[in-house]
Amino acid sequence: MQVLNDRVIRDILGIENVRTSSDIDFVGGSRGIEGLIKRCSDDSLAAFAMHPCSIDELLDVADAGLIMPPKSTWFEPKPRSGYVVRVFDD
């Protein structure tokens, strides 16, 4: 992911900050390659699909005090929000 961010997105495409640039967007993993192809045919010039990181890789990065690149931690299936944010009475 760092090679994509540093060498392609920054050096070749000239996008300095992937977090704030309006020249870069994200297609959710649930849309698959077909979603990337559709997006390129609709309004984009390029798309990149990355092999997903594992939970162990994510934990290694977190344990080292580092930050993952934007959208590199997309995991599915997503937990239903009611299970995460709901307050249960005793």
N, C-alpha and C. Protein backbone atom coordinates (compact mmCIF):
# COMPACT_ATOMS: atom_id res chain seq x y z
N MET A 1 0.83 -1.18 0.00
CA MET A 1 0.00 0.00 0.00
C MET A 1 0.88 1.25 0.00
N GLN A 2 1.97 1.20 0.72
CA GLN A 2 2.84 2.37 0.78
C GLN A 2 3.45 2.68 -0.58
N VAL A 3 3.78 1.64 -1.34
CA VAL A 3 4.32 1.85 -2.69
C VAL A 3 3.28 2.52 -3.56
N LEU A 4 2.03 2.06 -3.48
CA LEU A 4 0.96 2.69 -4.25
C LEU A 4 0.80 4.15 -3.85
N ASN A 5 0.76 4.42 -2.56
CA ASN A 5 0.60 5.81 -2.09
C ASN A 5 1.77 6.69 -2.49
N ASP A 6 3.00 6.21 -2.26
CA ASP A 6 4.18 7.04 -2.48
C ASP A 6 4.57 7.16 -3.95
N ARG A 7 4.63 6.06 -4.64
CA ARG A 7 5.17 6.07 -6.00
C ARG A 7 4.15 6.35 -7.08
N VAL A 8 2.94 5.84 -6.92
CA VAL A 8 1.93 6.01 -7.97
C VAL A 8 1.05 7.23 -7.68
N ILE A 9 0.37 7.22 -6.55
CA ILE A 9 -0.59 8.28 -6.27
C ILE A 9 0.11 9.63 -6.09
N ARG A 10 1.20 9.66 -5.34
CA ARG A 10 1.89 10.93 -5.12
C ARG A 10 2.80 11.29 -6.29
N ASP A 11 3.75 10.41 -6.63
CA ASP A 11 4.77 10.76 -7.61
C ASP A 11 4.25 10.82 -9.04
N ILE A 12 3.39 9.89 -9.44
CA ILE A 12 2.92 9.86 -10.82
C ILE A 12 1.65 10.69 -11.00
N LEU A 13 0.67 10.51 -10.10
CA LEU A 13 -0.60 11.22 -10.25
C LEU A 13 -0.58 12.60 -9.61
N GLY A 14 0.40 12.89 -8.78
CA GLY A 14 0.53 14.22 -8.18
C GLY A 14 -0.45 14.51 -7.06
N ILE A 15 -1.01 13.48 -6.45
CA ILE A 15 -1.94 13.67 -5.33
C ILE A 15 -1.12 13.59 -4.04
N GLU A 16 -1.00 14.72 -3.36
CA GLU A 16 -0.15 14.79 -2.17
C GLU A 16 -0.80 14.18 -0.94
N ASN A 17 -2.08 14.38 -0.75
CA ASN A 17 -2.74 13.90 0.47
C ASN A 17 -3.98 13.10 0.09
N VAL A 18 -3.91 11.78 0.21
CA VAL A 18 -5.04 10.94 -0.16
C VAL A 18 -6.22 11.10 0.78
N ARG A 19 -5.98 11.64 1.96
CA ARG A 19 -7.08 11.84 2.92
C ARG A 19 -7.93 13.06 2.59
N THR A 20 -7.37 14.05 1.93
CA THR A 20 -8.11 15.30 1.71
C THR A 20 -8.33 15.66 0.25
N SER A 21 -7.67 15.00 -0.66
CA SER A 21 -7.77 15.37 -2.07
C SER A 21 -9.13 15.00 -2.65
N SER A 22 -9.71 15.92 -3.42
CA SER A 22 -10.96 15.64 -4.12
C SER A 22 -10.71 14.87 -5.41
N ASP A 23 -9.44 14.64 -5.74
CA ASP A 23 -9.09 13.90 -6.96
C ASP A 23 -9.01 12.40 -6.74
N ILE A 24 -9.31 11.94 -5.55
CA ILE A 24 -9.25 10.50 -5.25
C ILE A 24 -10.52 10.12 -4.51
N ASP A 25 -11.01 8.93 -4.80
CA ASP A 25 -12.25 8.47 -4.17
C ASP A 25 -12.11 6.98 -3.84
N PHE A 26 -13.09 6.45 -3.18
CA PHE A 26 -13.05 5.08 -2.71
C PHE A 26 -14.28 4.33 -3.18
N VAL A 27 -14.08 3.12 -3.64
CA VAL A 27 -15.18 2.22 -4.00
C VAL A 27 -15.16 1.08 -3.00
N GLY A 28 -16.23 0.89 -2.28
CA GLY A 28 -16.30 -0.12 -1.23
C GLY A 28 -16.01 -1.52 -1.73
N GLY A 29 -15.38 -2.31 -0.87
CA GLY A 29 -14.99 -3.66 -1.22
C GLY A 29 -16.13 -4.56 -1.63
N SER A 30 -17.34 -4.28 -1.14
CA SER A 30 -18.48 -5.12 -1.48
C SER A 30 -18.86 -5.00 -2.95
N ARG A 31 -18.41 -3.97 -3.62
CA ARG A 31 -18.73 -3.79 -5.04
C ARG A 31 -17.79 -4.59 -5.95
N GLY A 32 -16.68 -5.04 -5.40
CA GLY A 32 -15.75 -5.89 -6.14
C GLY A 32 -15.12 -5.19 -7.35
N ILE A 33 -14.46 -5.99 -8.16
CA ILE A 33 -13.80 -5.49 -9.36
C ILE A 33 -14.81 -4.85 -10.31
N GLU A 34 -16.02 -5.42 -10.36
CA GLU A 34 -17.05 -4.86 -11.22
C GLU A 34 -17.35 -3.40 -10.86
N GLY A 35 -17.33 -3.09 -9.56
CA GLY A 35 -17.54 -1.72 -9.11
C GLY A 35 -16.43 -0.79 -9.58
N LEU A 36 -15.20 -1.28 -9.58
CA LEU A 36 -14.07 -0.48 -10.07
C LEU A 36 -14.19 -0.25 -11.57
N ILE A 37 -14.55 -1.29 -12.31
CA ILE A 37 -14.70 -1.16 -13.75
C ILE A 37 -15.81 -0.16 -14.09
N LYS A 38 -16.93 -0.27 -13.39
CA LYS A 38 -18.04 0.66 -13.63
C LYS A 38 -17.61 2.09 -13.32
N ARG A 39 -16.92 2.27 -12.22
CA ARG A 39 -16.49 3.62 -11.83
C ARG A 39 -15.56 4.22 -12.87
N CYS A 40 -14.64 3.40 -13.40
CA CYS A 40 -13.73 3.89 -14.44
C CYS A 40 -14.49 4.25 -15.71
N SER A 41 -15.50 3.48 -16.05
CA SER A 41 -16.26 3.79 -17.26
C SER A 41 -17.16 4.99 -17.05
N ASP A 42 -17.55 5.28 -15.80
CA ASP A 42 -18.44 6.42 -15.52
C ASP A 42 -17.69 7.75 -15.46
N ASP A 43 -16.65 7.82 -14.58
CA ASP A 43 -16.07 9.15 -14.35
C ASP A 43 -14.63 9.14 -13.84
N SER A 44 -13.95 8.02 -13.91
CA SER A 44 -12.59 7.96 -13.37
C SER A 44 -11.60 7.48 -14.42
N LEU A 45 -10.34 7.79 -14.19
CA LEU A 45 -9.30 7.42 -15.15
C LEU A 45 -8.55 6.15 -14.76
N ALA A 46 -8.53 5.82 -13.48
CA ALA A 46 -7.78 4.65 -13.02
C ALA A 46 -8.42 4.12 -11.75
N ALA A 47 -8.18 2.84 -11.49
CA ALA A 47 -8.65 2.22 -10.26
C ALA A 47 -7.59 1.23 -9.80
N PHE A 48 -7.52 1.03 -8.52
CA PHE A 48 -6.55 0.11 -7.94
C PHE A 48 -7.27 -0.82 -6.98
N ALA A 49 -7.02 -2.11 -7.11
CA ALA A 49 -7.56 -3.10 -6.18
C ALA A 49 -6.38 -3.70 -5.43
N MET A 50 -6.49 -3.72 -4.14
CA MET A 50 -5.41 -4.22 -3.30
C MET A 50 -5.83 -5.49 -2.60
N HIS A 51 -4.86 -6.37 -2.35
CA HIS A 51 -5.10 -7.55 -1.54
C HIS A 51 -5.39 -7.07 -0.13
N PRO A 52 -6.45 -7.58 0.51
CA PRO A 52 -6.79 -7.08 1.84
C PRO A 52 -5.75 -7.45 2.89
N CYS A 53 -5.60 -6.57 3.87
CA CYS A 53 -4.69 -6.88 4.96
C CYS A 53 -5.40 -7.84 5.92
N SER A 54 -4.62 -8.59 6.63
CA SER A 54 -5.18 -9.52 7.61
C SER A 54 -5.33 -8.80 8.95
N ILE A 55 -6.10 -9.38 9.83
CA ILE A 55 -6.24 -8.83 11.18
C ILE A 55 -4.88 -8.79 11.87
N ASP A 56 -4.05 -9.82 11.68
CA ASP A 56 -2.73 -9.84 12.30
C ASP A 56 -1.86 -8.68 11.80
N GLU A 57 -1.93 -8.39 10.49
CA GLU A 57 -1.17 -7.26 9.94
C GLU A 57 -1.67 -5.94 10.54
N LEU A 58 -2.97 -5.80 10.65
CA LEU A 58 -3.55 -4.60 11.24
C LEU A 58 -3.10 -4.43 12.69
N LEU A 59 -3.13 -5.52 13.44
CA LEU A 59 -2.70 -5.47 14.85
C LEU A 59 -1.21 -5.15 14.96
N ASP A 60 -0.39 -5.69 14.06
CA ASP A 60 1.05 -5.38 14.06
C ASP A 60 1.29 -3.89 13.85
N VAL A 61 0.56 -3.31 12.92
CA VAL A 61 0.69 -1.87 12.65
C VAL A 61 0.25 -1.06 13.87
N ALA A 62 -0.88 -1.45 14.46
CA ALA A 62 -1.38 -0.74 15.64
C ALA A 62 -0.41 -0.88 16.81
N ASP A 63 0.11 -2.09 17.02
CA ASP A 63 1.06 -2.31 18.12
C ASP A 63 2.34 -1.50 17.94
N ALA A 64 2.71 -1.23 16.69
CA ALA A 64 3.91 -0.43 16.43
C ALA A 64 3.62 1.07 16.53
N GLY A 65 2.36 1.43 16.81
CA GLY A 65 1.99 2.83 16.93
C GLY A 65 1.88 3.55 15.60
N LEU A 66 1.71 2.80 14.53
CA LEU A 66 1.61 3.38 13.20
C LEU A 66 0.15 3.49 12.76
N ILE A 67 -0.08 4.13 11.63
CA ILE A 67 -1.42 4.32 11.10
C ILE A 67 -1.50 3.69 9.72
N MET A 68 -2.56 2.96 9.48
CA MET A 68 -2.79 2.35 8.17
C MET A 68 -3.23 3.44 7.18
N PRO A 69 -2.92 3.25 5.90
CA PRO A 69 -3.40 4.20 4.89
C PRO A 69 -4.93 4.22 4.85
N PRO A 70 -5.52 5.32 4.38
CA PRO A 70 -6.98 5.42 4.32
C PRO A 70 -7.59 4.26 3.55
N LYS A 71 -8.69 3.76 4.05
CA LYS A 71 -9.50 2.70 3.43
C LYS A 71 -8.80 1.37 3.30
N SER A 72 -7.63 1.21 3.90
CA SER A 72 -6.93 -0.08 3.81
C SER A 72 -7.42 -1.05 4.87
N THR A 73 -8.30 -0.60 5.74
CA THR A 73 -8.81 -1.47 6.79
C THR A 73 -10.29 -1.76 6.59
N TRP A 74 -10.71 -1.86 5.35
CA TRP A 74 -12.10 -2.18 5.04
C TRP A 74 -12.31 -3.66 5.29
N PHE A 75 -13.17 -3.99 6.25
CA PHE A 75 -13.46 -5.38 6.56
C PHE A 75 -14.92 -5.67 6.34
N GLU A 76 -15.20 -6.87 5.86
CA GLU A 76 -16.56 -7.33 5.69
C GLU A 76 -16.65 -8.75 6.20
N PRO A 77 -17.74 -9.18 6.71
CA PRO A 77 -18.98 -8.43 6.84
C PRO A 77 -18.89 -7.44 8.00
N LYS A 78 -19.62 -6.37 7.88
CA LYS A 78 -19.67 -5.36 8.93
C LYS A 78 -20.63 -5.82 10.02
N PRO A 79 -20.28 -5.57 11.29
CA PRO A 79 -21.24 -5.90 12.35
C PRO A 79 -22.44 -4.97 12.26
N ARG A 80 -23.59 -5.46 12.58
CA ARG A 80 -24.78 -4.61 12.58
C ARG A 80 -24.58 -3.53 13.64
N SER A 81 -24.88 -2.29 13.30
CA SER A 81 -24.58 -1.18 14.20
C SER A 81 -25.31 -1.29 15.53
N GLY A 82 -26.46 -1.90 15.57
CA GLY A 82 -27.18 -2.05 16.83
C GLY A 82 -26.41 -2.85 17.85
N TYR A 83 -25.58 -3.77 17.38
CA TYR A 83 -24.77 -4.58 18.30
C TYR A 83 -23.60 -3.78 18.85
N VAL A 84 -23.20 -2.75 18.13
CA VAL A 84 -22.02 -1.98 18.51
C VAL A 84 -22.40 -0.76 19.35
N VAL A 85 -23.46 -0.06 18.99
CA VAL A 85 -23.76 1.21 19.65
C VAL A 85 -24.96 1.16 20.58
N ARG A 86 -25.65 0.06 20.64
CA ARG A 86 -26.82 -0.03 21.49
C ARG A 86 -26.43 -0.16 22.96
N VAL A 87 -27.12 0.58 23.81
CA VAL A 87 -26.92 0.48 25.24
C VAL A 87 -27.96 -0.48 25.80
N PHE A 88 -27.50 -1.49 26.49
CA PHE A 88 -28.40 -2.49 27.08
C PHE A 88 -28.59 -2.17 28.55
N ASP A 89 -29.81 -2.23 29.00
CA ASP A 89 -30.12 -2.01 30.42
C ASP A 89 -29.77 -3.26 31.20
N ASP A 90 -29.45 -3.06 32.50
CA ASP A 90 -29.15 -4.21 33.36
C ASP A 90 -30.38 -5.02 33.65
